[in-house]
Amino acid sequence: MKKIFFLSLIVTACSSSQKTGSNAELPSCIKTKIEGFTKLPKHEQPQNVIEYEYKGKKVYYVTMPCCDFYNEVYDSNCTLLGHPDGGFTGKGDGKLPDFNAEKKKEKIVWEQPK
């Protein structure tokens, strides 16, 4: 009886841990963006996509492959909110000046395969 109990605990723990951090929770448009990234040549693929809470909403920060590109922030509908950093000056486009100070709850949802 104890064996069955422990087996069921292990199965429950494993199945719940697989759901945590999965891309199943991502908006479909973000999933589509990520699928598109993987089809680009490696040197053009963003480095990662990070989910944050920003001003009470989930947003998705895309780290571009190089320093001279703007990094991008999208909302859950894939509307581009702005570029908080990157570009030639490293300061972005000025549309999200408080992003780095206000972002919370970092969660990497995709990384470029090594």
PDB file of N, CA and C in Angstrom:
ATOM      1  N   MET A   1       0.815  -1.185   0.000  1.00  0.00           N
ATOM      2  CA  MET A   1       0.000   0.000   0.000  1.00  0.00           C
ATOM      3  C   MET A   1       0.868   1.262   0.000  1.00  0.00           C
ATOM      4  N   LYS A   2       1.950   1.227   0.818  1.00  0.00           N
ATOM      5  CA  LYS A   2       2.844   2.381   0.870  1.00  0.00           C
ATOM      6  C   LYS A   2       3.510   2.620  -0.479  1.00  0.00           C
ATOM      7  N   LYS A   3       3.840   1.525  -1.180  1.00  0.00           N
ATOM      8  CA  LYS A   3       4.484   1.651  -2.480  1.00  0.00           C
ATOM      9  C   LYS A   3       3.570   2.370  -3.467  1.00  0.00           C
ATOM     10  N   ILE A   4       2.305   2.050  -3.460  1.00  0.00           N
ATOM     11  CA  ILE A   4       1.349   2.684  -4.358  1.00  0.00           C
ATOM     12  C   ILE A   4       1.218   4.164  -4.024  1.00  0.00           C
ATOM     13  N   PHE A   5       1.176   4.492  -2.748  1.00  0.00           N
ATOM     14  CA  PHE A   5       1.071   5.883  -2.320  1.00  0.00           C
ATOM     15  C   PHE A   5       2.281   6.689  -2.811  1.00  0.00           C
ATOM     16  N   PHE A   6       3.493   6.167  -2.587  1.00  0.00           N
ATOM     17  CA  PHE A   6       4.705   6.871  -3.005  1.00  0.00           C
ATOM     18  C   PHE A   6       4.804   6.966  -4.520  1.00  0.00           C
ATOM     19  N   LEU A   7       4.384   5.929  -5.217  1.00  0.00           N
ATOM     20  CA  LEU A   7       4.381   5.956  -6.675  1.00  0.00           C
ATOM     21  C   LEU A   7       3.442   7.039  -7.191  1.00  0.00           C
ATOM     22  N   SER A   8       2.273   7.135  -6.587  1.00  0.00           N
ATOM     23  CA  SER A   8       1.327   8.174  -7.024  1.00  0.00           C
ATOM     24  C   SER A   8       1.852   9.575  -6.705  1.00  0.00           C
ATOM     25  N   LEU A   9       2.576   9.723  -5.591  1.00  0.00           N
ATOM     26  CA  LEU A   9       3.196  11.012  -5.279  1.00  0.00           C
ATOM     27  C   LEU A   9       4.238  11.395  -6.320  1.00  0.00           C
ATOM     28  N   ILE A  10       5.056  10.436  -6.708  1.00  0.00           N
ATOM     29  CA  ILE A  10       6.093  10.700  -7.706  1.00  0.00           C
ATOM     30  C   ILE A  10       5.467  11.078  -9.043  1.00  0.00           C
ATOM     31  N   VAL A  11       4.451  10.359  -9.473  1.00  0.00           N
ATOM     32  CA  VAL A  11       3.782  10.659 -10.742  1.00  0.00           C
ATOM     33  C   VAL A  11       3.157  12.044 -10.699  1.00  0.00           C
ATOM     34  N   THR A  12       2.508  12.382  -9.605  1.00  0.00           N
ATOM     35  CA  THR A  12       1.894  13.701  -9.456  1.00  0.00           C
ATOM     36  C   THR A  12       2.945  14.802  -9.491  1.00  0.00           C
ATOM     37  N   ALA A  13       4.028  14.622  -8.782  1.00  0.00           N
ATOM     38  CA  ALA A  13       5.101  15.629  -8.746  1.00  0.00           C
ATOM     39  C   ALA A  13       5.717  15.821 -10.113  1.00  0.00           C
ATOM     40  N   CYS A  14       5.962  14.743 -10.825  1.00  0.00           N
ATOM     41  CA  CYS A  14       6.578  14.837 -12.152  1.00  0.00           C
ATOM     42  C   CYS A  14       5.646  15.502 -13.147  1.00  0.00           C
ATOM     43  N   SER A  15       4.378  15.161 -13.118  1.00  0.00           N
ATOM     44  CA  SER A  15       3.455  15.756 -14.083  1.00  0.00           C
ATOM     45  C   SER A  15       3.251  17.234 -13.813  1.00  0.00           C
ATOM     46  N   SER A  16       3.236  17.669 -12.570  1.00  0.00           N
ATOM     47  CA  SER A  16       3.053  19.093 -12.289  1.00  0.00           C
ATOM     48  C   SER A  16       4.309  19.884 -12.604  1.00  0.00           C
ATOM     49  N   SER A  17       5.496  19.286 -12.427  1.00  0.00           N
ATOM     50  CA  SER A  17       6.716  20.021 -12.713  1.00  0.00           C
ATOM     51  C   SER A  17       6.908  20.198 -14.206  1.00  0.00           C
ATOM     52  N   GLN A  18       6.373  19.317 -15.024  1.00  0.00           N
ATOM     53  CA  GLN A  18       6.492  19.471 -16.467  1.00  0.00           C
ATOM     54  C   GLN A  18       5.690  20.663 -16.957  1.00  0.00           C
ATOM     55  N   LYS A  19       4.604  20.997 -16.306  1.00  0.00           N
ATOM     56  CA  LYS A  19       3.778  22.122 -16.723  1.00  0.00           C
ATOM     57  C   LYS A  19       4.414  23.454 -16.340  1.00  0.00           C
ATOM     58  N   THR A  20       5.135  23.501 -15.246  1.00  0.00           N
ATOM     59  CA  THR A  20       5.751  24.725 -14.783  1.00  0.00           C
ATOM     60  C   THR A  20       6.837  25.151 -15.758  1.00  0.00           C
ATOM     61  N   GLY A  21       6.775  26.393 -16.204  1.00  0.00           N
ATOM     62  CA  GLY A  21       7.796  26.916 -17.095  1.00  0.00           C
ATOM     63  C   GLY A  21       7.644  26.456 -18.532  1.00  0.00           C
ATOM     64  N   SER A  22       6.576  25.778 -18.865  1.00  0.00           N
ATOM     65  CA  SER A  22       6.402  25.324 -20.236  1.00  0.00           C
ATOM     66  C   SER A  22       5.890  26.473 -21.099  1.00  0.00           C
ATOM     67  N   ASN A  23       6.080  26.324 -22.388  1.00  0.00           N
ATOM     68  CA  ASN A  23       5.601  27.347 -23.312  1.00  0.00           C
ATOM     69  C   ASN A  23       4.095  27.265 -23.510  1.00  0.00           C
ATOM     70  N   ALA A  24       3.434  26.283 -22.882  1.00  0.00           N
ATOM     71  CA  ALA A  24       1.987  26.156 -22.992  1.00  0.00           C
ATOM     72  C   ALA A  24       1.276  27.377 -22.418  1.00  0.00           C
ATOM     73  N   GLU A  25       1.928  28.075 -21.506  1.00  0.00           N
ATOM     74  CA  GLU A  25       1.318  29.246 -20.865  1.00  0.00           C
ATOM     75  C   GLU A  25       1.496  30.517 -21.680  1.00  0.00           C
ATOM     76  N   LEU A  26       2.322  30.476 -22.712  1.00  0.00           N
ATOM     77  CA  LEU A  26       2.605  31.674 -23.497  1.00  0.00           C
ATOM     78  C   LEU A  26       1.460  32.015 -24.437  1.00  0.00           C
ATOM     79  N   PRO A  27       1.253  33.313 -24.701  1.00  0.00           N
ATOM     80  CA  PRO A  27       0.276  33.691 -25.730  1.00  0.00           C
ATOM     81  C   PRO A  27       0.695  33.094 -27.077  1.00  0.00           C
ATOM     82  N   SER A  28      -0.275  32.736 -27.895  1.00  0.00           N
ATOM     83  CA  SER A  28       0.031  32.074 -29.172  1.00  0.00           C
ATOM     84  C   SER A  28       0.901  32.951 -30.076  1.00  0.00           C
ATOM     85  N   CYS A  29       0.712  34.260 -30.026  1.00  0.00           N
ATOM     86  CA  CYS A  29       1.522  35.120 -30.893  1.00  0.00           C
ATOM     87  C   CYS A  29       2.993  35.127 -30.458  1.00  0.00           C
ATOM     88  N   ILE A  30       3.258  34.988 -29.169  1.00  0.00           N
ATOM     89  CA  ILE A  30       4.643  34.906 -28.678  1.00  0.00           C
ATOM     90  C   ILE A  30       5.243  33.569 -29.111  1.00  0.00           C
ATOM     91  N   LYS A  31       4.467  32.493 -29.029  1.00  0.00           N
ATOM     92  CA  LYS A  31       4.937  31.189 -29.507  1.00  0.00           C
ATOM     93  C   LYS A  31       5.305  31.269 -30.990  1.00  0.00           C
ATOM     94  N   THR A  32       4.469  31.951 -31.770  1.00  0.00           N
ATOM     95  CA  THR A  32       4.724  32.094 -33.198  1.00  0.00           C
ATOM     96  C   THR A  32       6.010  32.877 -33.447  1.00  0.00           C
ATOM     97  N   LYS A  33       6.235  33.934 -32.668  1.00  0.00           N
ATOM     98  CA  LYS A  33       7.471  34.703 -32.788  1.00  0.00           C
ATOM     99  C   LYS A  33       8.687  33.813 -32.511  1.00  0.00           C
ATOM    100  N   ILE A  34       8.607  33.034 -31.448  1.00  0.00           N
ATOM    101  CA  ILE A  34       9.717  32.152 -31.075  1.00  0.00           C
ATOM    102  C   ILE A  34       9.977  31.126 -32.180  1.00  0.00           C
ATOM    103  N   GLU A  35       8.919  30.557 -32.735  1.00  0.00           N
ATOM    104  CA  GLU A  35       9.088  29.607 -33.839  1.00  0.00           C
ATOM    105  C   GLU A  35       9.792  30.278 -35.014  1.00  0.00           C
ATOM    106  N   GLY A  36       9.443  31.529 -35.286  1.00  0.00           N
ATOM    107  CA  GLY A  36      10.105  32.282 -36.350  1.00  0.00           C
ATOM    108  C   GLY A  36      11.580  32.520 -36.054  1.00  0.00           C
ATOM    109  N   PHE A  37      11.897  32.793 -34.790  1.00  0.00           N
ATOM    110  CA  PHE A  37      13.305  33.013 -34.410  1.00  0.00           C
ATOM    111  C   PHE A  37      14.146  31.778 -34.730  1.00  0.00           C
ATOM    112  N   THR A  38      13.596  30.600 -34.462  1.00  0.00           N
ATOM    113  CA  THR A  38      14.374  29.371 -34.635  1.00  0.00           C
ATOM    114  C   THR A  38      14.653  29.066 -36.099  1.00  0.00           C
ATOM    115  N   LYS A  39      13.927  29.704 -37.016  1.00  0.00           N
ATOM    116  CA  LYS A  39      14.133  29.483 -38.452  1.00  0.00           C
ATOM    117  C   LYS A  39      15.173  30.440 -39.036  1.00  0.00           C
ATOM    118  N   LEU A  40      15.569  31.442 -38.274  1.00  0.00           N
ATOM    119  CA  LEU A  40      16.588  32.387 -38.727  1.00  0.00           C
ATOM    120  C   LEU A  40      17.974  31.756 -38.621  1.00  0.00           C
ATOM    121  N   PRO A  41      18.937  32.250 -39.415  1.00  0.00           N
ATOM    122  CA  PRO A  41      20.311  31.789 -39.206  1.00  0.00           C
ATOM    123  C   PRO A  41      20.732  32.084 -37.764  1.00  0.00           C
ATOM    124  N   LYS A  42      21.571  31.217 -37.200  1.00  0.00           N
ATOM    125  CA  LYS A  42      21.968  31.343 -35.776  1.00  0.00           C
ATOM    126  C   LYS A  42      22.425  32.756 -35.423  1.00  0.00           C
ATOM    127  N   HIS A  43      23.223  33.389 -36.277  1.00  0.00           N
ATOM    128  CA  HIS A  43      23.769  34.703 -35.948  1.00  0.00           C
ATOM    129  C   HIS A  43      22.719  35.815 -35.965  1.00  0.00           C
ATOM    130  N   GLU A  44      21.512  35.523 -36.478  1.00  0.00           N
ATOM    131  CA  GLU A  44      20.432  36.508 -36.500  1.00  0.00           C
ATOM    132  C   GLU A  44      19.359  36.235 -35.442  1.00  0.00           C
ATOM    133  N   GLN A  45      19.446  35.090 -34.769  1.00  0.00           N
ATOM    134  CA  GLN A  45      18.435  34.736 -33.778  1.00  0.00           C
ATOM    135  C   GLN A  45      18.612  35.562 -32.511  1.00  0.00           C
ATOM    136  N   PRO A  46      17.506  36.040 -31.944  1.00  0.00           N
ATOM    137  CA  PRO A  46      17.607  36.661 -30.621  1.00  0.00           C
ATOM    138  C   PRO A  46      18.228  35.686 -29.628  1.00  0.00           C
ATOM    139  N   GLN A  47      18.801  36.219 -28.560  1.00  0.00           N
ATOM    140  CA  GLN A  47      19.451  35.388 -27.552  1.00  0.00           C
ATOM    141  C   GLN A  47      18.448  34.694 -26.642  1.00  0.00           C
ATOM    142  N   ASN A  48      17.366  35.415 -26.285  1.00  0.00           N
ATOM    143  CA  ASN A  48      16.346  34.825 -25.422  1.00  0.00           C
ATOM    144  C   ASN A  48      15.087  35.674 -25.422  1.00  0.00           C
ATOM    145  N   VAL A  49      14.045  35.106 -24.833  1.00  0.00           N
ATOM    146  CA  VAL A  49      12.787  35.821 -24.583  1.00  0.00           C
ATOM    147  C   VAL A  49      12.526  35.668 -23.096  1.00  0.00           C
ATOM    148  N   ILE A  50      12.336  36.799 -22.426  1.00  0.00           N
ATOM    149  CA  ILE A  50      12.122  36.798 -20.985  1.00  0.00           C
ATOM    150  C   ILE A  50      10.762  37.410 -20.686  1.00  0.00           C
ATOM    151  N   GLU A  51       9.976  36.708 -19.893  1.00  0.00           N
ATOM    152  CA  GLU A  51       8.683  37.225 -19.445  1.00  0.00           C
ATOM    153  C   GLU A  51       8.917  38.041 -18.179  1.00  0.00           C
ATOM    154  N   TYR A  52       8.322  39.211 -18.126  1.00  0.00           N
ATOM    155  CA  TYR A  52       8.368  40.057 -16.941  1.00  0.00           C
ATOM    156  C   TYR A  52       6.963  40.531 -16.616  1.00  0.00           C
ATOM    157  N   GLU A  53       6.798  41.012 -15.405  1.00  0.00           N
ATOM    158  CA  GLU A  53       5.621  41.798 -15.053  1.00  0.00           C
ATOM    159  C   GLU A  53       6.078  43.255 -15.128  1.00  0.00           C
ATOM    160  N   TYR A  54       5.339  44.056 -15.870  1.00  0.00           N
ATOM    161  CA  TYR A  54       5.664  45.470 -16.028  1.00  0.00           C
ATOM    162  C   TYR A  54       4.373  46.265 -15.936  1.00  0.00           C
ATOM    163  N   LYS A  55       4.295  47.118 -14.955  1.00  0.00           N
ATOM    164  CA  LYS A  55       3.094  47.925 -14.705  1.00  0.00           C
ATOM    165  C   LYS A  55       1.846  47.048 -14.588  1.00  0.00           C
ATOM    166  N   GLY A  56       2.005  45.911 -13.888  1.00  0.00           N
ATOM    167  CA  GLY A  56       0.877  45.029 -13.606  1.00  0.00           C
ATOM    168  C   GLY A  56       0.490  44.078 -14.722  1.00  0.00           C
ATOM    169  N   LYS A  57       1.233  44.062 -15.834  1.00  0.00           N
ATOM    170  CA  LYS A  57       0.895  43.189 -16.956  1.00  0.00           C
ATOM    171  C   LYS A  57       2.103  42.369 -17.369  1.00  0.00           C
ATOM    172  N   LYS A  58       1.834  41.210 -17.977  1.00  0.00           N
ATOM    173  CA  LYS A  58       2.922  40.395 -18.503  1.00  0.00           C
ATOM    174  C   LYS A  58       3.421  41.004 -19.803  1.00  0.00           C
ATOM    175  N   VAL A  59       4.734  41.070 -19.917  1.00  0.00           N
ATOM    176  CA  VAL A  59       5.369  41.529 -21.148  1.00  0.00           C
ATOM    177  C   VAL A  59       6.495  40.565 -21.490  1.00  0.00           C
ATOM    178  N   TYR A  60       6.953  40.647 -22.724  1.00  0.00           N
ATOM    179  CA  TYR A  60       7.971  39.734 -23.219  1.00  0.00           C
ATOM    180  C   TYR A  60       9.116  40.544 -23.824  1.00  0.00           C
ATOM    181  N   TYR A  61      10.279  40.389 -23.218  1.00  0.00           N
ATOM    182  CA  TYR A  61      11.487  41.123 -23.581  1.00  0.00           C
ATOM    183  C   TYR A  61      12.336  40.223 -24.467  1.00  0.00           C
ATOM    184  N   VAL A  62      12.634  40.690 -25.674  1.00  0.00           N
ATOM    185  CA  VAL A  62      13.416  39.919 -26.633  1.00  0.00           C
ATOM    186  C   VAL A  62      14.813  40.522 -26.703  1.00  0.00           C
ATOM    187  N   THR A  63      15.810  39.737 -26.307  1.00  0.00           N
ATOM    188  CA  THR A  63      17.202  40.179 -26.348  1.00  0.00           C
ATOM    189  C   THR A  63      17.760  39.857 -27.725  1.00  0.00           C
ATOM    190  N   MET A  64      18.106  40.885 -28.474  1.00  0.00           N
ATOM    191  CA  MET A  64      18.588  40.713 -29.838  1.00  0.00           C
ATOM    192  C   MET A  64      20.025  40.185 -29.851  1.00  0.00           C
ATOM    193  N   PRO A  65      20.491  39.722 -31.028  1.00  0.00           N
ATOM    194  CA  PRO A  65      21.783  39.045 -31.087  1.00  0.00           C
ATOM    195  C   PRO A  65      23.018  39.932 -30.910  1.00  0.00           C
ATOM    196  N   CYS A  66      22.872  41.222 -31.069  1.00  0.00           N
ATOM    197  CA  CYS A  66      24.058  42.073 -30.953  1.00  0.00           C
ATOM    198  C   CYS A  66      23.706  43.417 -30.341  1.00  0.00           C
ATOM    199  N   CYS A  67      24.705  44.067 -29.931  1.00  0.00           N
ATOM    200  CA  CYS A  67      24.627  45.327 -29.193  1.00  0.00           C
ATOM    201  C   CYS A  67      23.995  46.484 -29.975  1.00  0.00           C
ATOM    202  N   ASP A  68      24.137  46.531 -31.276  1.00  0.00           N
ATOM    203  CA  ASP A  68      23.626  47.671 -32.045  1.00  0.00           C
ATOM    204  C   ASP A  68      22.148  47.551 -32.400  1.00  0.00           C
ATOM    205  N   PHE A  69      21.540  46.426 -32.080  1.00  0.00           N
ATOM    206  CA  PHE A  69      20.115  46.243 -32.337  1.00  0.00           C
ATOM    207  C   PHE A  69      19.325  46.658 -31.103  1.00  0.00           C
ATOM    208  N   TYR A  70      18.140  47.200 -31.333  1.00  0.00           N
ATOM    209  CA  TYR A  70      17.241  47.471 -30.222  1.00  0.00           C
ATOM    210  C   TYR A  70      16.713  46.156 -29.664  1.00  0.00           C
ATOM    211  N   ASN A  71      16.661  46.020 -28.339  1.00  0.00           N
ATOM    212  CA  ASN A  71      15.943  44.923 -27.706  1.00  0.00           C
ATOM    213  C   ASN A  71      14.478  45.317 -27.687  1.00  0.00           C
ATOM    214  N   GLU A  72      13.583  44.344 -27.774  1.00  0.00           N
ATOM    215  CA  GLU A  72      12.164  44.618 -27.967  1.00  0.00           C
ATOM    216  C   GLU A  72      11.334  44.170 -26.774  1.00  0.00           C
ATOM    217  N   VAL A  73      10.254  44.905 -26.498  1.00  0.00           N
ATOM    218  CA  VAL A  73       9.297  44.517 -25.460  1.00  0.00           C
ATOM    219  C   VAL A  73       7.910  44.473 -26.091  1.00  0.00           C
ATOM    220  N   TYR A  74       7.256  43.299 -25.952  1.00  0.00           N
ATOM    221  CA  TYR A  74       5.916  43.080 -26.482  1.00  0.00           C
ATOM    222  C   TYR A  74       4.944  42.811 -25.343  1.00  0.00           C
ATOM    223  N   ASP A  75       3.680  43.192 -25.544  1.00  0.00           N
ATOM    224  CA  ASP A  75       2.652  42.815 -24.579  1.00  0.00           C
ATOM    225  C   ASP A  75       2.116  41.440 -24.954  1.00  0.00           C
ATOM    226  N   SER A  76       1.106  40.966 -24.262  1.00  0.00           N
ATOM    227  CA  SER A  76       0.562  39.620 -24.491  1.00  0.00           C
ATOM    228  C   SER A  76      -0.152  39.481 -25.829  1.00  0.00           C
ATOM    229  N   ASN A  77      -0.416  40.596 -26.506  1.00  0.00           N
ATOM    230  CA  ASN A  77      -1.036  40.564 -27.835  1.00  0.00           C
ATOM    231  C   ASN A  77      -0.007  40.765 -28.938  1.00  0.00           C
ATOM    232  N   CYS A  78       1.263  40.743 -28.570  1.00  0.00           N
ATOM    233  CA  CYS A  78       2.392  40.958 -29.491  1.00  0.00           C
ATOM    234  C   CYS A  78       2.430  42.367 -30.071  1.00  0.00           C
ATOM    235  N   THR A  79       1.888  43.301 -29.338  1.00  0.00           N
ATOM    236  CA  THR A  79       2.031  44.697 -29.711  1.00  0.00           C
ATOM    237  C   THR A  79       3.391  45.164 -29.198  1.00  0.00           C
ATOM    238  N   LEU A  80       4.191  45.733 -30.082  1.00  0.00           N
ATOM    239  CA  LEU A  80       5.499  46.239 -29.684  1.00  0.00           C
ATOM    240  C   LEU A  80       5.300  47.478 -28.825  1.00  0.00           C
ATOM    241  N   LEU A  81       5.748  47.409 -27.572  1.00  0.00           N
ATOM    242  CA  LEU A  81       5.608  48.542 -26.652  1.00  0.00           C
ATOM    243  C   LEU A  81       6.777  49.512 -26.787  1.00  0.00           C
ATOM    244  N   GLY A  82       7.929  49.002 -27.155  1.00  0.00           N
ATOM    245  CA  GLY A  82       9.091  49.858 -27.307  1.00  0.00           C
ATOM    246  C   GLY A  82      10.381  49.086 -27.171  1.00  0.00           C
ATOM    247  N   HIS A  83      11.460  49.854 -27.188  1.00  0.00           N
ATOM    248  CA  HIS A  83      12.808  49.307 -27.095  1.00  0.00           C
ATOM    249  C   HIS A  83      13.500  49.972 -25.910  1.00  0.00           C
ATOM    250  N   PRO A  84      13.536  49.310 -24.758  1.00  0.00           N
ATOM    251  CA  PRO A  84      14.079  49.952 -23.560  1.00  0.00           C
ATOM    252  C   PRO A  84      15.592  50.130 -23.571  1.00  0.00           C
ATOM    253  N   ASP A  85      16.276  49.364 -24.406  1.00  0.00           N
ATOM    254  CA  ASP A  85      17.728  49.473 -24.464  1.00  0.00           C
ATOM    255  C   ASP A  85      18.216  48.949 -25.809  1.00  0.00           C
ATOM    256  N   GLY A  86      19.524  49.039 -26.007  1.00  0.00           N
ATOM    257  CA  GLY A  86      20.116  48.617 -27.264  1.00  0.00           C
ATOM    258  C   GLY A  86      20.218  49.783 -28.225  1.00  0.00           C
ATOM    259  N   GLY A  87      20.601  49.492 -29.436  1.00  0.00           N
ATOM    260  CA  GLY A  87      20.838  50.530 -30.436  1.00  0.00           C
ATOM    261  C   GLY A  87      22.232  51.120 -30.263  1.00  0.00           C
ATOM    262  N   PHE A  88      22.569  52.096 -31.089  1.00  0.00           N
ATOM    263  CA  PHE A  88      23.912  52.684 -31.060  1.00  0.00           C
ATOM    264  C   PHE A  88      24.252  53.339 -29.729  1.00  0.00           C
ATOM    265  N   THR A  89      23.248  53.943 -29.091  1.00  0.00           N
ATOM    266  CA  THR A  89      23.511  54.613 -27.811  1.00  0.00           C
ATOM    267  C   THR A  89      23.382  53.672 -26.624  1.00  0.00           C
ATOM    268  N   GLY A  90      22.715  52.538 -26.834  1.00  0.00           N
ATOM    269  CA  GLY A  90      22.470  51.606 -25.743  1.00  0.00           C
ATOM    270  C   GLY A  90      21.268  51.992 -24.899  1.00  0.00           C
ATOM    271  N   LYS A  91      20.625  53.106 -25.224  1.00  0.00           N
ATOM    272  CA  LYS A  91      19.512  53.624 -24.415  1.00  0.00           C
ATOM    273  C   LYS A  91      18.134  53.357 -25.014  1.00  0.00           C
ATOM    274  N   GLY A  92      18.075  52.586 -26.092  1.00  0.00           N
ATOM    275  CA  GLY A  92      16.786  52.266 -26.684  1.00  0.00           C
ATOM    276  C   GLY A  92      16.163  53.433 -27.419  1.00  0.00           C
ATOM    277  N   ASP A  93      14.834  53.369 -27.577  1.00  0.00           N
ATOM    278  CA  ASP A  93      14.123  54.409 -28.322  1.00  0.00           C
ATOM    279  C   ASP A  93      13.439  55.441 -27.428  1.00  0.00           C
ATOM    280  N   GLY A  94      13.585  55.316 -26.113  1.00  0.00           N
ATOM    281  CA  GLY A  94      13.009  56.291 -25.186  1.00  0.00           C
ATOM    282  C   GLY A  94      11.551  56.069 -24.842  1.00  0.00           C
ATOM    283  N   LYS A  95      10.903  55.049 -25.421  1.00  0.00           N
ATOM    284  CA  LYS A  95       9.478  54.807 -25.156  1.00  0.00           C
ATOM    285  C   LYS A  95       9.222  54.099 -23.830  1.00  0.00           C
ATOM    286  N   LEU A  96      10.222  53.435 -23.290  1.00  0.00           N
ATOM    287  CA  LEU A  96      10.069  52.709 -22.022  1.00  0.00           C
ATOM    288  C   LEU A  96      11.211  53.082 -21.074  1.00  0.00           C
ATOM    289  N   PRO A  97      11.324  54.350 -20.704  1.00  0.00           N
ATOM    290  CA  PRO A  97      12.477  54.777 -19.910  1.00  0.00           C
ATOM    291  C   PRO A  97      12.559  54.143 -18.520  1.00  0.00           C
ATOM    292  N   ASP A  98      11.423  53.679 -17.993  1.00  0.00           N
ATOM    293  CA  ASP A  98      11.406  53.094 -16.652  1.00  0.00           C
ATOM    294  C   ASP A  98      11.378  51.561 -16.663  1.00  0.00           C
ATOM    295  N   PHE A  99      11.508  50.961 -17.836  1.00  0.00           N
ATOM    296  CA  PHE A  99      11.359  49.508 -17.934  1.00  0.00           C
ATOM    297  C   PHE A  99      12.319  48.763 -17.018  1.00  0.00           C
ATOM    298  N   ASN A 100      13.592  49.060 -17.092  1.00  0.00           N
ATOM    299  CA  ASN A 100      14.577  48.315 -16.294  1.00  0.00           C
ATOM    300  C   ASN A 100      14.382  48.512 -14.795  1.00  0.00           C
ATOM    301  N   ALA A 101      13.887  49.659 -14.391  1.00  0.00           N
ATOM    302  CA  ALA A 101      13.637  49.906 -12.965  1.00  0.00           C
ATOM    303  C   ALA A 101      12.334  49.252 -12.485  1.00  0.00           C
ATOM    304  N   GLU A 102      11.361  49.126 -13.378  1.00  0.00           N
ATOM    305  CA  GLU A 102      10.023  48.672 -12.988  1.00  0.00           C
ATOM    306  C   GLU A 102       9.743  47.191 -13.264  1.00  0.00           C
ATOM    307  N   LYS A 103      10.540  46.540 -14.089  1.00  0.00           N
ATOM    308  CA  LYS A 103      10.258  45.143 -14.427  1.00  0.00           C
ATOM    309  C   LYS A 103      10.429  44.247 -13.198  1.00  0.00           C
ATOM    310  N   LYS A 104       9.573  43.205 -13.129  1.00  0.00           N
ATOM    311  CA  LYS A 104       9.572  42.274 -11.992  1.00  0.00           C
ATOM    312  C   LYS A 104       9.343  40.859 -12.495  1.00  0.00           C
ATOM    313  N   LYS A 105       9.601  39.904 -11.626  1.00  0.00           N
ATOM    314  CA  LYS A 105       9.267  38.488 -11.845  1.00  0.00           C
ATOM    315  C   LYS A 105       9.847  37.943 -13.154  1.00  0.00           C
ATOM    316  N   GLU A 106      11.149  37.986 -13.269  1.00  0.00           N
ATOM    317  CA  GLU A 106      11.826  37.488 -14.465  1.00  0.00           C
ATOM    318  C   GLU A 106      11.640  35.983 -14.643  1.00  0.00           C
ATOM    319  N   LYS A 107      11.307  35.595 -15.876  1.00  0.00           N
ATOM    320  CA  LYS A 107      11.140  34.179 -16.203  1.00  0.00           C
ATOM    321  C   LYS A 107      11.590  33.977 -17.656  1.00  0.00           C
ATOM    322  N   ILE A 108      12.683  33.263 -17.841  1.00  0.00           N
ATOM    323  CA  ILE A 108      13.151  32.984 -19.196  1.00  0.00           C
ATOM    324  C   ILE A 108      12.206  31.961 -19.812  1.00  0.00           C
ATOM    325  N   VAL A 109      11.619  32.315 -20.959  1.00  0.00           N
ATOM    326  CA  VAL A 109      10.664  31.405 -21.610  1.00  0.00           C
ATOM    327  C   VAL A 109      11.262  30.766 -22.864  1.00  0.00           C
ATOM    328  N   TRP A 110      12.358  31.306 -23.381  1.00  0.00           N
ATOM    329  CA  TRP A 110      13.040  30.715 -24.519  1.00  0.00           C
ATOM    330  C   TRP A 110      14.466  31.218 -24.555  1.00  0.00           C
ATOM    331  N   GLU A 111      15.390  30.321 -24.900  1.00  0.00           N
ATOM    332  CA  GLU A 111      16.787  30.688 -25.099  1.00  0.00           C
ATOM    333  C   GLU A 111      17.277  30.077 -26.393  1.00  0.00           C
ATOM    334  N   GLN A 112      18.159  30.791 -27.056  1.00  0.00           N
ATOM    335  CA  GLN A 112      18.760  30.256 -28.280  1.00  0.00           C
ATOM    336  C   GLN A 112      19.504  28.974 -27.934  1.00  0.00           C
ATOM    337  N   PRO A 113      19.238  27.917 -28.681  1.00  0.00           N
ATOM    338  CA  PRO A 113      19.979  26.672 -28.419  1.00  0.00           C
ATOM    339  C   PRO A 113      21.474  26.889 -28.607  1.00  0.00           C
ATOM    340  N   LYS A 114      22.252  26.308 -27.731  1.00  0.00           N
ATOM    341  CA  LYS A 114      23.715  26.457 -27.797  1.00  0.00           C
ATOM    342  C   LYS A 114      24.308  25.454 -28.742  1.00  0.00           C
TER     343      LYS A 114
END
